[in-house]
């Protein structure tokens, strides 16, 4: 998620979803950002906020007219294979890094559509560098089960995402919906938090699945 006021959105998420202490990654300063990363089960909710002008997140906020969904990060078994699939499809990357404990690429939203798509291969698979030290001890109960992404051409975007990821986006709980304005990531689905009404935080609708 991208927000103009990080603390306000992060505090609301923490209160509404009963999340643990977030991790503030000092490394995102290189991109002109602050962030808050919450662990939820074995997945994560991250909020980024620009602290300097002319950042990618700031331009995304301006395009969407305010706080909004921003990025979807997928864990893969073989990120190099996904990178090659992306290259063959003509998908550009905006960031590629290879560290001892994670390899990752962020793919250009103009090529992927709907969001910045990140493909990651953490090593070992149960680790997550960006969650911060001992993130598992701060993880809140619950499960991130899916998301809605609104684009003008759902079928074409599904084909492109599936071609890069090596699997249908729906297999990861991603629903691509038609909207000519292409607002992108509009909803996140959660389970294991009991039956409750949807709520909106930071321009994103949170929906709760019962019985899981």
N, C-alpha and C. Protein backbone atom coordinates (compact mmCIF):
# COMPACT_ATOMS: atom_id res chain seq x y z
N UNK A 1 0.84 -1.17 0.00
CA UNK A 1 0.00 0.00 0.00
C UNK A 1 0.89 1.23 0.00
N UNK A 2 0.40 2.31 -0.61
CA UNK A 2 1.13 3.57 -0.64
C UNK A 2 0.26 4.63 0.02
N UNK A 3 0.84 5.42 0.91
CA UNK A 3 0.07 6.38 1.68
C UNK A 3 0.82 7.70 1.80
N UNK A 4 0.07 8.78 1.84
CA UNK A 4 0.71 10.07 2.02
C UNK A 4 1.18 10.25 3.46
N UNK A 5 0.43 9.70 4.41
CA UNK A 5 0.79 9.80 5.83
C UNK A 5 0.99 8.39 6.38
N UNK A 6 2.23 7.97 6.46
CA UNK A 6 2.54 6.59 6.86
C UNK A 6 1.97 6.25 8.22
N UNK A 7 2.23 7.08 9.21
CA UNK A 7 1.88 6.71 10.58
C UNK A 7 0.38 6.57 10.76
N UNK A 8 -0.39 7.45 10.12
CA UNK A 8 -1.84 7.37 10.28
C UNK A 8 -2.39 6.06 9.73
N UNK A 9 -1.92 5.65 8.53
CA UNK A 9 -2.42 4.42 7.92
C UNK A 9 -1.90 3.20 8.68
N UNK A 10 -0.62 3.21 9.05
CA UNK A 10 -0.05 2.07 9.77
C UNK A 10 -0.73 1.89 11.13
N UNK A 11 -0.98 2.99 11.82
CA UNK A 11 -1.63 2.90 13.13
C UNK A 11 -3.05 2.35 13.00
N UNK A 12 -3.76 2.78 11.95
CA UNK A 12 -5.13 2.28 11.75
C UNK A 12 -5.11 0.80 11.43
N UNK A 13 -4.20 0.37 10.56
CA UNK A 13 -4.10 -1.06 10.25
C UNK A 13 -3.82 -1.86 11.52
N UNK A 14 -2.90 -1.38 12.30
CA UNK A 14 -2.52 -2.11 13.52
C UNK A 14 -3.71 -2.23 14.47
N UNK A 15 -4.45 -1.13 14.61
CA UNK A 15 -5.59 -1.15 15.52
C UNK A 15 -6.72 -2.02 15.00
N UNK A 16 -7.07 -1.88 13.73
CA UNK A 16 -8.22 -2.60 13.18
C UNK A 16 -7.96 -4.09 13.04
N UNK A 17 -6.71 -4.46 12.71
CA UNK A 17 -6.39 -5.87 12.43
C UNK A 17 -5.64 -6.53 13.58
N UNK A 18 -5.43 -5.81 14.66
CA UNK A 18 -4.73 -6.34 15.83
C UNK A 18 -3.36 -6.90 15.45
N UNK A 19 -2.61 -6.09 14.72
CA UNK A 19 -1.29 -6.51 14.24
C UNK A 19 -0.21 -6.22 15.28
N UNK A 20 0.94 -6.87 15.11
CA UNK A 20 2.07 -6.64 16.00
C UNK A 20 2.86 -5.41 15.60
N UNK A 21 3.99 -5.23 16.25
CA UNK A 21 4.87 -4.09 15.96
C UNK A 21 5.39 -4.19 14.53
N UNK A 22 5.30 -3.10 13.76
CA UNK A 22 5.83 -3.15 12.39
C UNK A 22 7.33 -2.97 12.37
N UNK A 23 7.93 -3.43 11.29
CA UNK A 23 9.35 -3.22 11.04
C UNK A 23 9.52 -2.03 10.11
N UNK A 24 10.41 -1.12 10.47
CA UNK A 24 10.75 0.02 9.60
C UNK A 24 12.09 -0.28 8.95
N UNK A 25 12.07 -0.51 7.66
CA UNK A 25 13.27 -0.90 6.92
C UNK A 25 14.05 0.36 6.53
N UNK A 26 15.24 0.57 7.08
CA UNK A 26 15.99 1.78 6.71
C UNK A 26 16.42 1.77 5.25
N UNK A 27 16.45 0.61 4.61
CA UNK A 27 16.89 0.52 3.22
C UNK A 27 15.98 1.22 2.23
N UNK A 28 14.70 1.42 2.59
CA UNK A 28 13.79 2.06 1.63
C UNK A 28 14.05 3.55 1.50
N UNK A 29 14.88 4.10 2.38
CA UNK A 29 15.24 5.51 2.23
C UNK A 29 15.92 5.77 0.90
N UNK A 30 16.62 4.76 0.37
CA UNK A 30 17.27 4.92 -0.94
C UNK A 30 16.27 5.20 -2.04
N UNK A 31 15.00 4.82 -1.83
CA UNK A 31 13.95 5.07 -2.81
C UNK A 31 13.10 6.29 -2.44
N UNK A 32 13.54 7.03 -1.43
CA UNK A 32 12.80 8.20 -0.99
C UNK A 32 11.56 7.86 -0.20
N UNK A 33 11.59 6.75 0.55
CA UNK A 33 10.40 6.26 1.24
C UNK A 33 10.67 6.00 2.72
N UNK A 34 9.59 5.97 3.48
CA UNK A 34 9.52 5.31 4.79
C UNK A 34 8.56 4.14 4.63
N UNK A 35 8.66 3.16 5.53
CA UNK A 35 7.71 2.05 5.45
C UNK A 35 7.40 1.47 6.81
N UNK A 36 6.35 0.67 6.83
CA UNK A 36 5.98 -0.13 7.99
C UNK A 36 5.56 -1.49 7.46
N UNK A 37 6.22 -2.54 7.95
CA UNK A 37 5.97 -3.90 7.46
C UNK A 37 5.40 -4.73 8.61
N UNK A 38 4.16 -5.18 8.43
CA UNK A 38 3.49 -6.00 9.43
C UNK A 38 3.51 -7.46 9.00
N UNK A 39 3.86 -8.35 9.91
CA UNK A 39 3.77 -9.79 9.64
C UNK A 39 2.38 -10.28 10.01
N UNK A 40 1.80 -11.06 9.09
CA UNK A 40 0.46 -11.62 9.29
C UNK A 40 0.52 -13.07 8.86
N UNK A 41 0.52 -13.99 9.83
CA UNK A 41 0.79 -15.38 9.51
C UNK A 41 2.19 -15.47 8.91
N UNK A 42 2.29 -16.08 7.72
CA UNK A 42 3.60 -16.15 7.06
C UNK A 42 3.67 -15.18 5.88
N UNK A 43 2.75 -14.20 5.86
CA UNK A 43 2.75 -13.18 4.81
C UNK A 43 2.90 -11.80 5.45
N UNK A 44 2.80 -10.75 4.62
CA UNK A 44 3.12 -9.42 5.12
C UNK A 44 2.23 -8.37 4.48
N UNK A 45 1.93 -7.34 5.26
CA UNK A 45 1.28 -6.13 4.78
C UNK A 45 2.28 -4.99 4.95
N UNK A 46 2.55 -4.29 3.87
CA UNK A 46 3.52 -3.20 3.93
C UNK A 46 2.86 -1.90 3.48
N UNK A 47 3.17 -0.83 4.19
CA UNK A 47 2.76 0.51 3.80
C UNK A 47 4.02 1.31 3.53
N UNK A 48 4.07 1.97 2.37
CA UNK A 48 5.19 2.86 2.06
C UNK A 48 4.66 4.28 1.90
N UNK A 49 5.52 5.25 2.20
CA UNK A 49 5.12 6.65 2.12
C UNK A 49 6.30 7.48 1.63
N UNK A 50 6.10 8.34 0.65
CA UNK A 50 7.20 9.16 0.14
C UNK A 50 7.67 10.19 1.17
N UNK A 51 8.97 10.38 1.23
CA UNK A 51 9.55 11.43 2.07
C UNK A 51 10.33 12.42 1.22
N UNK A 52 10.40 12.17 -0.08
CA UNK A 52 11.04 13.10 -1.00
C UNK A 52 10.18 13.21 -2.25
N UNK A 53 10.32 14.28 -3.02
CA UNK A 53 9.53 14.42 -4.24
C UNK A 53 9.99 13.46 -5.33
N UNK A 54 9.11 13.22 -6.28
CA UNK A 54 9.41 12.45 -7.49
C UNK A 54 9.87 11.02 -7.18
N UNK A 55 9.09 10.33 -6.35
CA UNK A 55 9.31 8.91 -6.11
C UNK A 55 8.27 8.11 -6.89
N UNK A 56 8.57 6.85 -7.15
CA UNK A 56 7.60 5.99 -7.84
C UNK A 56 6.31 5.89 -7.04
N UNK A 57 6.43 5.72 -5.72
CA UNK A 57 5.23 5.61 -4.88
C UNK A 57 4.44 6.92 -4.89
N UNK A 58 5.15 8.04 -4.87
CA UNK A 58 4.46 9.33 -4.90
C UNK A 58 3.72 9.54 -6.20
N UNK A 59 4.33 9.15 -7.32
CA UNK A 59 3.64 9.27 -8.61
C UNK A 59 2.42 8.36 -8.66
N UNK A 60 2.52 7.18 -8.06
CA UNK A 60 1.38 6.26 -8.04
C UNK A 60 0.24 6.85 -7.23
N UNK A 61 0.57 7.46 -6.07
CA UNK A 61 -0.45 8.10 -5.24
C UNK A 61 -1.13 9.22 -6.02
N UNK A 62 -0.33 10.02 -6.71
CA UNK A 62 -0.91 11.12 -7.50
C UNK A 62 -1.83 10.58 -8.60
N UNK A 63 -1.40 9.52 -9.25
CA UNK A 63 -2.21 8.94 -10.33
C UNK A 63 -3.54 8.43 -9.79
N UNK A 64 -3.51 7.84 -8.59
CA UNK A 64 -4.73 7.26 -8.02
C UNK A 64 -5.56 8.29 -7.26
N UNK A 65 -5.02 9.47 -7.05
CA UNK A 65 -5.76 10.51 -6.36
C UNK A 65 -5.77 10.37 -4.85
N UNK A 66 -4.78 9.67 -4.30
CA UNK A 66 -4.71 9.52 -2.85
C UNK A 66 -4.18 8.14 -2.47
N UNK A 67 -4.26 7.81 -1.20
CA UNK A 67 -3.77 6.53 -0.69
C UNK A 67 -4.37 5.38 -1.50
N UNK A 68 -3.58 4.32 -1.68
CA UNK A 68 -4.01 3.29 -2.63
C UNK A 68 -3.19 2.02 -2.47
N UNK A 69 -3.65 0.97 -3.14
CA UNK A 69 -2.84 -0.22 -3.29
C UNK A 69 -1.69 0.07 -4.23
N UNK A 70 -0.57 -0.66 -4.08
CA UNK A 70 0.64 -0.28 -4.79
C UNK A 70 1.40 -1.47 -5.40
N UNK A 71 1.68 -2.47 -4.60
CA UNK A 71 2.56 -3.55 -5.04
C UNK A 71 2.02 -4.90 -4.56
N UNK A 72 2.24 -5.92 -5.39
CA UNK A 72 1.97 -7.30 -4.98
C UNK A 72 3.26 -8.08 -5.11
N UNK A 73 3.64 -8.77 -4.05
CA UNK A 73 4.91 -9.49 -4.00
C UNK A 73 4.62 -10.99 -3.95
N UNK A 74 5.22 -11.72 -4.88
CA UNK A 74 4.99 -13.16 -4.98
C UNK A 74 6.28 -13.91 -4.68
N UNK A 75 6.18 -14.92 -3.81
CA UNK A 75 7.32 -15.79 -3.54
C UNK A 75 7.31 -16.95 -4.53
N UNK A 76 8.44 -17.14 -5.21
CA UNK A 76 8.57 -18.18 -6.21
C UNK A 76 9.71 -19.13 -5.84
N UNK A 77 9.66 -20.33 -6.43
CA UNK A 77 10.73 -21.31 -6.20
C UNK A 77 11.97 -21.01 -7.03
N UNK A 78 11.79 -20.34 -8.17
CA UNK A 78 12.91 -20.11 -9.09
C UNK A 78 12.73 -18.73 -9.73
N UNK A 79 13.30 -17.71 -9.10
CA UNK A 79 13.11 -16.36 -9.62
C UNK A 79 13.86 -16.15 -10.93
N UNK A 80 14.98 -16.85 -11.13
CA UNK A 80 15.71 -16.68 -12.39
C UNK A 80 14.87 -17.15 -13.58
N UNK A 81 14.14 -18.23 -13.39
CA UNK A 81 13.27 -18.71 -14.46
C UNK A 81 12.17 -17.69 -14.74
N UNK A 82 11.62 -17.09 -13.69
CA UNK A 82 10.59 -16.07 -13.88
C UNK A 82 11.16 -14.83 -14.56
N UNK A 83 12.37 -14.47 -14.22
CA UNK A 83 13.02 -13.34 -14.88
C UNK A 83 13.17 -13.60 -16.38
N UNK A 84 13.52 -14.81 -16.72
CA UNK A 84 13.67 -15.15 -18.14
C UNK A 84 12.32 -15.12 -18.85
N UNK A 85 11.29 -15.61 -18.18
CA UNK A 85 9.95 -15.55 -18.79
C UNK A 85 9.54 -14.09 -19.00
N UNK A 86 9.84 -13.24 -18.02
CA UNK A 86 9.51 -11.82 -18.16
C UNK A 86 10.27 -11.20 -19.32
N UNK A 87 11.56 -11.54 -19.45
CA UNK A 87 12.37 -10.98 -20.53
C UNK A 87 11.80 -11.38 -21.89
N UNK A 88 11.40 -12.63 -22.02
CA UNK A 88 10.87 -13.11 -23.30
C UNK A 88 9.54 -12.44 -23.64
N UNK A 89 8.81 -11.99 -22.61
CA UNK A 89 7.54 -11.30 -22.83
C UNK A 89 7.73 -9.80 -23.00
N UNK A 90 8.97 -9.34 -22.93
CA UNK A 90 9.24 -7.91 -23.08
C UNK A 90 8.92 -7.09 -21.84
N UNK A 91 8.88 -7.73 -20.68
CA UNK A 91 8.58 -7.04 -19.43
C UNK A 91 9.89 -6.50 -18.84
N UNK A 92 9.90 -5.21 -18.61
CA UNK A 92 11.08 -4.57 -18.03
C UNK A 92 11.08 -4.71 -16.51
N UNK A 93 12.26 -4.68 -15.91
CA UNK A 93 12.32 -4.61 -14.45
C UNK A 93 12.74 -3.20 -14.05
N UNK A 94 12.27 -2.79 -12.88
CA UNK A 94 12.67 -1.50 -12.33
C UNK A 94 13.64 -1.69 -11.17
N UNK A 95 13.81 -2.91 -10.73
CA UNK A 95 14.78 -3.23 -9.69
C UNK A 95 15.09 -4.71 -9.79
N UNK A 96 16.36 -5.05 -9.71
CA UNK A 96 16.77 -6.46 -9.65
C UNK A 96 17.92 -6.55 -8.67
N UNK A 97 17.81 -7.46 -7.72
CA UNK A 97 18.89 -7.63 -6.75
C UNK A 97 19.04 -9.09 -6.41
N UNK A 98 20.27 -9.44 -6.07
CA UNK A 98 20.61 -10.81 -5.67
C UNK A 98 21.50 -10.72 -4.45
N UNK A 99 20.94 -11.09 -3.30
CA UNK A 99 21.66 -11.08 -2.04
C UNK A 99 21.81 -12.51 -1.54
N UNK A 100 22.56 -12.68 -0.47
CA UNK A 100 22.78 -14.03 0.05
C UNK A 100 21.47 -14.70 0.45
N UNK A 101 20.50 -13.90 0.95
CA UNK A 101 19.29 -14.49 1.50
C UNK A 101 18.03 -14.22 0.69
N UNK A 102 18.15 -13.49 -0.44
CA UNK A 102 16.97 -13.28 -1.28
C UNK A 102 17.41 -12.78 -2.65
N UNK A 103 16.70 -13.25 -3.68
CA UNK A 103 16.81 -12.70 -5.03
C UNK A 103 15.45 -12.16 -5.40
N UNK A 104 15.43 -10.97 -6.02
CA UNK A 104 14.14 -10.31 -6.24
C UNK A 104 14.22 -9.38 -7.43
N UNK A 105 13.10 -9.26 -8.13
CA UNK A 105 12.94 -8.26 -9.18
C UNK A 105 11.58 -7.60 -9.03
N UNK A 106 11.55 -6.28 -9.25
CA UNK A 106 10.30 -5.54 -9.34
C UNK A 106 10.06 -5.25 -10.81
N UNK A 107 8.89 -5.59 -11.30
CA UNK A 107 8.59 -5.51 -12.72
C UNK A 107 7.79 -4.25 -13.04
N UNK A 108 8.05 -3.70 -14.19
CA UNK A 108 7.52 -2.39 -14.55
C UNK A 108 5.99 -2.43 -14.64
N UNK A 109 5.29 -1.53 -13.94
CA UNK A 109 3.82 -1.58 -13.97
C UNK A 109 3.23 -1.27 -15.33
N UNK A 110 3.94 -0.52 -16.17
CA UNK A 110 3.41 -0.25 -17.51
C UNK A 110 3.38 -1.52 -18.35
N UNK A 111 4.25 -2.48 -18.04
CA UNK A 111 4.29 -3.75 -18.77
C UNK A 111 3.39 -4.80 -18.13
N UNK A 112 3.30 -4.80 -16.79
CA UNK A 112 2.50 -5.79 -16.08
C UNK A 112 1.05 -5.34 -15.91
N UNK A 113 0.85 -4.03 -15.72
CA UNK A 113 -0.47 -3.43 -15.51
C UNK A 113 -1.04 -3.77 -14.13
N UNK A 114 -1.70 -2.79 -13.55
CA UNK A 114 -2.44 -3.02 -12.31
C UNK A 114 -1.67 -2.79 -11.03
N UNK A 115 -0.36 -3.04 -11.04
CA UNK A 115 0.44 -2.90 -9.83
C UNK A 115 1.90 -3.09 -10.22
N UNK A 116 2.78 -2.66 -9.32
CA UNK A 116 4.15 -3.15 -9.42
C UNK A 116 4.13 -4.59 -8.93
N UNK A 117 4.62 -5.50 -9.73
CA UNK A 117 4.67 -6.91 -9.36
C UNK A 117 6.11 -7.26 -8.98
N UNK A 118 6.27 -7.79 -7.80
CA UNK A 118 7.59 -8.22 -7.33
C UNK A 118 7.64 -9.74 -7.32
N UNK A 119 8.74 -10.28 -7.83
CA UNK A 119 8.97 -11.72 -7.78
C UNK A 119 10.19 -11.96 -6.91
N UNK A 120 10.06 -12.86 -5.94
CA UNK A 120 11.10 -13.03 -4.93
C UNK A 120 11.37 -14.50 -4.67
N UNK A 121 12.63 -14.80 -4.39
CA UNK A 121 13.03 -16.14 -3.97
C UNK A 121 13.88 -16.01 -2.70
N UNK A 122 13.23 -16.07 -1.52
CA UNK A 122 13.99 -16.00 -0.27
C UNK A 122 14.75 -17.30 -0.02
N UNK A 123 15.87 -17.19 0.66
CA UNK A 123 16.73 -18.35 0.93
C UNK A 123 17.15 -18.30 2.39
N UNK A 124 16.64 -19.24 3.22
CA UNK A 124 15.73 -20.34 2.89
C UNK A 124 14.31 -19.85 2.63
N UNK A 125 13.45 -20.71 2.07
CA UNK A 125 12.12 -20.27 1.66
C UNK A 125 11.26 -19.69 2.78
N UNK A 126 11.47 -20.13 4.02
CA UNK A 126 10.64 -19.64 5.12
C UNK A 126 11.13 -18.32 5.69
N UNK A 127 12.20 -17.78 5.14
CA UNK A 127 12.71 -16.50 5.62
C UNK A 127 12.08 -15.36 4.82
N UNK A 128 12.25 -14.13 5.31
CA UNK A 128 11.79 -12.96 4.57
C UNK A 128 12.58 -11.74 5.07
N UNK A 129 13.62 -11.40 4.35
CA UNK A 129 14.52 -10.33 4.75
C UNK A 129 13.78 -9.04 5.09
N UNK A 130 12.78 -8.70 4.26
CA UNK A 130 12.12 -7.41 4.39
C UNK A 130 11.18 -7.34 5.59
N UNK A 131 10.93 -8.48 6.25
CA UNK A 131 10.09 -8.46 7.44
C UNK A 131 10.82 -8.00 8.68
N UNK A 132 12.15 -7.94 8.61
CA UNK A 132 12.93 -7.50 9.75
C UNK A 132 13.32 -8.65 10.66
N UNK A 133 14.24 -8.41 11.59
CA UNK A 133 14.69 -9.47 12.50
C UNK A 133 13.53 -10.05 13.31
N UNK A 134 13.51 -11.38 13.41
CA UNK A 134 12.52 -12.08 14.25
C UNK A 134 11.08 -11.68 13.92
N UNK A 135 10.82 -11.53 12.62
CA UNK A 135 9.45 -11.14 12.24
C UNK A 135 8.42 -12.16 12.68
N UNK A 136 8.82 -13.44 12.72
CA UNK A 136 7.87 -14.48 13.09
C UNK A 136 7.37 -14.32 14.52
N UNK A 137 8.19 -13.71 15.38
CA UNK A 137 7.78 -13.48 16.76
C UNK A 137 6.78 -12.33 16.87
N UNK A 138 6.72 -11.48 15.86
CA UNK A 138 5.81 -10.34 15.84
C UNK A 138 4.58 -10.60 14.97
N UNK A 139 4.52 -11.79 14.39
CA UNK A 139 3.45 -12.07 13.43
C UNK A 139 2.11 -12.21 14.14
N UNK A 140 1.08 -11.58 13.57
CA UNK A 140 -0.27 -11.68 14.11
C UNK A 140 -0.97 -12.90 13.53
N UNK A 141 -1.90 -13.50 14.26
CA UNK A 141 -2.68 -14.61 13.71
C UNK A 141 -3.50 -14.14 12.52
N UNK A 142 -3.64 -15.01 11.56
CA UNK A 142 -4.43 -14.67 10.39
C UNK A 142 -3.75 -15.14 9.13
N UNK A 143 -4.43 -14.94 8.02
CA UNK A 143 -3.94 -15.42 6.73
C UNK A 143 -4.34 -14.45 5.64
N UNK A 144 -3.40 -14.08 4.79
CA UNK A 144 -3.69 -13.27 3.62
C UNK A 144 -4.04 -14.22 2.49
N UNK A 145 -5.31 -14.20 2.06
CA UNK A 145 -5.78 -15.22 1.13
C UNK A 145 -5.91 -14.74 -0.31
N UNK A 146 -5.90 -13.44 -0.54
CA UNK A 146 -6.04 -12.99 -1.92
C UNK A 146 -6.19 -11.50 -2.02
N UNK A 147 -6.36 -11.04 -3.26
CA UNK A 147 -6.50 -9.62 -3.52
C UNK A 147 -7.27 -9.41 -4.82
N UNK A 148 -7.88 -8.24 -4.95
CA UNK A 148 -8.55 -7.83 -6.18
C UNK A 148 -7.71 -6.76 -6.86
N UNK A 149 -7.55 -6.90 -8.17
CA UNK A 149 -6.82 -5.92 -8.97
C UNK A 149 -7.73 -5.53 -10.13
N UNK A 150 -8.04 -4.25 -10.23
CA UNK A 150 -8.97 -3.76 -11.25
C UNK A 150 -8.19 -3.15 -12.40
N UNK A 151 -8.40 -3.68 -13.61
CA UNK A 151 -7.70 -3.24 -14.81
C UNK A 151 -8.69 -3.21 -15.98
N UNK A 152 -8.30 -2.54 -17.05
CA UNK A 152 -9.23 -2.43 -18.18
C UNK A 152 -9.32 -3.71 -18.99
N UNK A 153 -8.29 -4.56 -18.94
CA UNK A 153 -8.26 -5.79 -19.74
C UNK A 153 -7.89 -6.97 -18.85
N UNK A 154 -8.83 -7.47 -18.04
CA UNK A 154 -8.49 -8.54 -17.09
C UNK A 154 -7.91 -9.78 -17.76
N UNK A 155 -8.45 -10.17 -18.90
CA UNK A 155 -7.95 -11.39 -19.55
C UNK A 155 -6.51 -11.22 -20.01
N UNK A 156 -6.22 -10.07 -20.60
CA UNK A 156 -4.86 -9.83 -21.07
C UNK A 156 -3.87 -9.73 -19.93
N UNK A 157 -4.28 -9.08 -18.84
CA UNK A 157 -3.39 -8.95 -17.68
C UNK A 157 -3.19 -10.31 -17.02
N UNK A 158 -4.24 -11.12 -16.93
CA UNK A 158 -4.10 -12.46 -16.36
C UNK A 158 -3.11 -13.29 -17.18
N UNK A 159 -3.18 -13.16 -18.49
CA UNK A 159 -2.25 -13.90 -19.35
C UNK A 159 -0.82 -13.42 -19.13
N UNK A 160 -0.63 -12.11 -19.02
CA UNK A 160 0.71 -11.58 -18.81
C UNK A 160 1.27 -11.99 -17.45
N UNK A 161 0.47 -11.81 -16.40
CA UNK A 161 0.93 -12.19 -15.06
C UNK A 161 1.22 -13.69 -14.99
N UNK A 162 0.31 -14.48 -15.56
CA UNK A 162 0.52 -15.92 -15.54
C UNK A 162 1.75 -16.32 -16.31
N UNK A 163 2.03 -15.63 -17.43
CA UNK A 163 3.22 -15.94 -18.20
C UNK A 163 4.49 -15.69 -17.44
N UNK A 164 4.50 -14.65 -16.60
CA UNK A 164 5.68 -14.34 -15.79
C UNK A 164 5.77 -15.25 -14.58
N UNK A 165 4.66 -15.40 -13.86
CA UNK A 165 4.68 -16.16 -12.61
C UNK A 165 4.78 -17.67 -12.84
N UNK A 166 4.38 -18.13 -14.02
CA UNK A 166 4.39 -19.56 -14.27
C UNK A 166 3.18 -20.26 -13.69
N UNK A 167 2.15 -19.51 -13.33
CA UNK A 167 0.91 -20.07 -12.78
C UNK A 167 -0.18 -19.02 -12.94
N UNK A 168 -1.42 -19.48 -12.99
CA UNK A 168 -2.53 -18.55 -13.08
C UNK A 168 -2.58 -17.65 -11.84
N UNK A 169 -2.78 -16.34 -12.01
CA UNK A 169 -2.87 -15.48 -10.84
C UNK A 169 -3.94 -15.94 -9.85
N UNK A 170 -5.01 -16.53 -10.35
CA UNK A 170 -6.08 -16.99 -9.46
C UNK A 170 -5.60 -18.06 -8.49
N UNK A 171 -4.53 -18.78 -8.84
CA UNK A 171 -4.01 -19.81 -7.94
C UNK A 171 -3.41 -19.20 -6.69
N UNK A 172 -3.07 -17.91 -6.75
CA UNK A 172 -2.57 -17.18 -5.58
C UNK A 172 -3.66 -16.30 -4.98
N UNK A 173 -4.90 -16.51 -5.40
CA UNK A 173 -6.00 -15.74 -4.85
C UNK A 173 -6.17 -14.37 -5.46
N UNK A 174 -5.54 -14.12 -6.61
CA UNK A 174 -5.65 -12.82 -7.26
C UNK A 174 -6.83 -12.83 -8.22
N UNK A 175 -7.76 -11.91 -8.01
CA UNK A 175 -8.91 -11.75 -8.89
C UNK A 175 -8.71 -10.47 -9.71
N UNK A 176 -8.69 -10.61 -11.01
CA UNK A 176 -8.53 -9.47 -11.91
C UNK A 176 -9.91 -9.06 -12.40
N UNK A 177 -10.28 -7.82 -12.14
CA UNK A 177 -11.62 -7.33 -12.42
C UNK A 177 -11.56 -6.18 -13.43
N UNK A 178 -12.64 -6.00 -14.16
CA UNK A 178 -12.68 -4.99 -15.21
C UNK A 178 -13.03 -3.62 -14.65
N UNK A 179 -12.20 -2.65 -14.99
CA UNK A 179 -12.47 -1.25 -14.66
C UNK A 179 -11.67 -0.40 -15.63
N UNK A 180 -12.33 0.42 -16.46
CA UNK A 180 -11.60 1.18 -17.47
C UNK A 180 -10.64 2.20 -16.88
N UNK A 181 -10.84 2.59 -15.62
CA UNK A 181 -9.93 3.56 -14.98
C UNK A 181 -8.67 2.92 -14.42
N UNK A 182 -8.63 1.59 -14.38
CA UNK A 182 -7.46 0.83 -13.89
C UNK A 182 -6.97 1.32 -12.53
N UNK A 183 -7.80 1.26 -11.49
CA UNK A 183 -7.32 1.68 -10.17
C UNK A 183 -6.30 0.73 -9.55
N UNK A 184 -6.16 -0.49 -10.10
CA UNK A 184 -5.14 -1.42 -9.61
C UNK A 184 -5.60 -2.19 -8.39
N UNK A 185 -4.71 -2.32 -7.40
CA UNK A 185 -4.99 -3.11 -6.21
C UNK A 185 -6.05 -2.40 -5.37
N UNK A 186 -7.24 -2.98 -5.31
CA UNK A 186 -8.36 -2.33 -4.64
C UNK A 186 -8.81 -3.05 -3.37
N UNK A 187 -8.53 -4.35 -3.25
CA UNK A 187 -9.04 -5.09 -2.10
C UNK A 187 -8.04 -6.18 -1.70
N UNK A 188 -8.00 -6.45 -0.41
CA UNK A 188 -7.18 -7.52 0.16
C UNK A 188 -8.09 -8.40 0.99
N UNK A 189 -7.99 -9.72 0.81
CA UNK A 189 -8.83 -10.65 1.55
C UNK A 189 -8.01 -11.34 2.64
N UNK A 190 -8.60 -11.40 3.83
CA UNK A 190 -7.95 -11.99 5.00
C UNK A 190 -8.85 -13.06 5.60
N UNK A 191 -8.23 -14.03 6.23
CA UNK A 191 -8.97 -15.09 6.92
C UNK A 191 -8.37 -15.27 8.31
N UNK A 192 -9.09 -16.02 9.14
CA UNK A 192 -8.61 -16.31 10.49
C UNK A 192 -8.77 -15.16 11.45
N UNK A 193 -9.63 -14.19 11.11
CA UNK A 193 -9.85 -13.04 11.98
C UNK A 193 -11.31 -12.93 12.40
N UNK A 194 -12.06 -13.99 12.17
CA UNK A 194 -13.46 -13.99 12.54
C UNK A 194 -14.32 -13.29 11.51
N UNK A 195 -15.63 -13.46 11.65
CA UNK A 195 -16.59 -12.84 10.74
C UNK A 195 -16.75 -11.37 11.12
N UNK A 196 -16.56 -10.49 10.17
CA UNK A 196 -16.71 -9.06 10.42
C UNK A 196 -16.98 -8.34 9.11
N UNK A 197 -17.47 -7.13 9.21
CA UNK A 197 -17.78 -6.34 8.03
C UNK A 197 -16.49 -5.86 7.37
N UNK A 198 -16.51 -5.67 6.05
CA UNK A 198 -15.33 -5.10 5.38
C UNK A 198 -15.03 -3.71 5.91
N UNK A 199 -13.79 -3.31 5.77
CA UNK A 199 -13.39 -1.96 6.15
C UNK A 199 -12.41 -1.43 5.13
N UNK A 200 -12.30 -0.12 5.06
CA UNK A 200 -11.36 0.51 4.14
C UNK A 200 -10.30 1.26 4.92
N UNK A 201 -9.06 0.97 4.58
CA UNK A 201 -7.92 1.65 5.19
C UNK A 201 -6.93 1.99 4.08
N UNK A 202 -6.49 3.22 4.04
CA UNK A 202 -5.46 3.60 3.07
C UNK A 202 -5.87 3.39 1.63
N UNK A 203 -7.15 3.58 1.34
CA UNK A 203 -7.62 3.43 -0.03
C UNK A 203 -7.79 2.00 -0.49
N UNK A 204 -7.67 1.04 0.42
CA UNK A 204 -7.81 -0.38 0.10
C UNK A 204 -8.92 -0.98 0.96
N UNK A 205 -9.78 -1.79 0.35
CA UNK A 205 -10.86 -2.46 1.05
C UNK A 205 -10.34 -3.79 1.60
N UNK A 206 -10.54 -4.02 2.88
CA UNK A 206 -10.17 -5.29 3.51
C UNK A 206 -11.43 -6.11 3.73
N UNK A 207 -11.41 -7.33 3.19
CA UNK A 207 -12.55 -8.23 3.29
C UNK A 207 -12.14 -9.45 4.11
N UNK A 208 -13.08 -9.96 4.90
CA UNK A 208 -12.76 -11.02 5.85
C UNK A 208 -13.54 -12.29 5.52
N UNK A 209 -12.81 -13.37 5.34
CA UNK A 209 -13.40 -14.64 5.00
C UNK A 209 -13.63 -15.44 6.28
N UNK A 210 -14.85 -15.89 6.47
CA UNK A 210 -15.18 -16.68 7.66
C UNK A 210 -14.92 -18.16 7.38
N UNK A 211 -14.76 -18.91 8.44
CA UNK A 211 -14.69 -20.36 8.34
C UNK A 211 -13.36 -20.91 7.87
N UNK A 212 -12.31 -20.08 7.95
CA UNK A 212 -10.98 -20.58 7.57
C UNK A 212 -10.02 -20.36 8.73
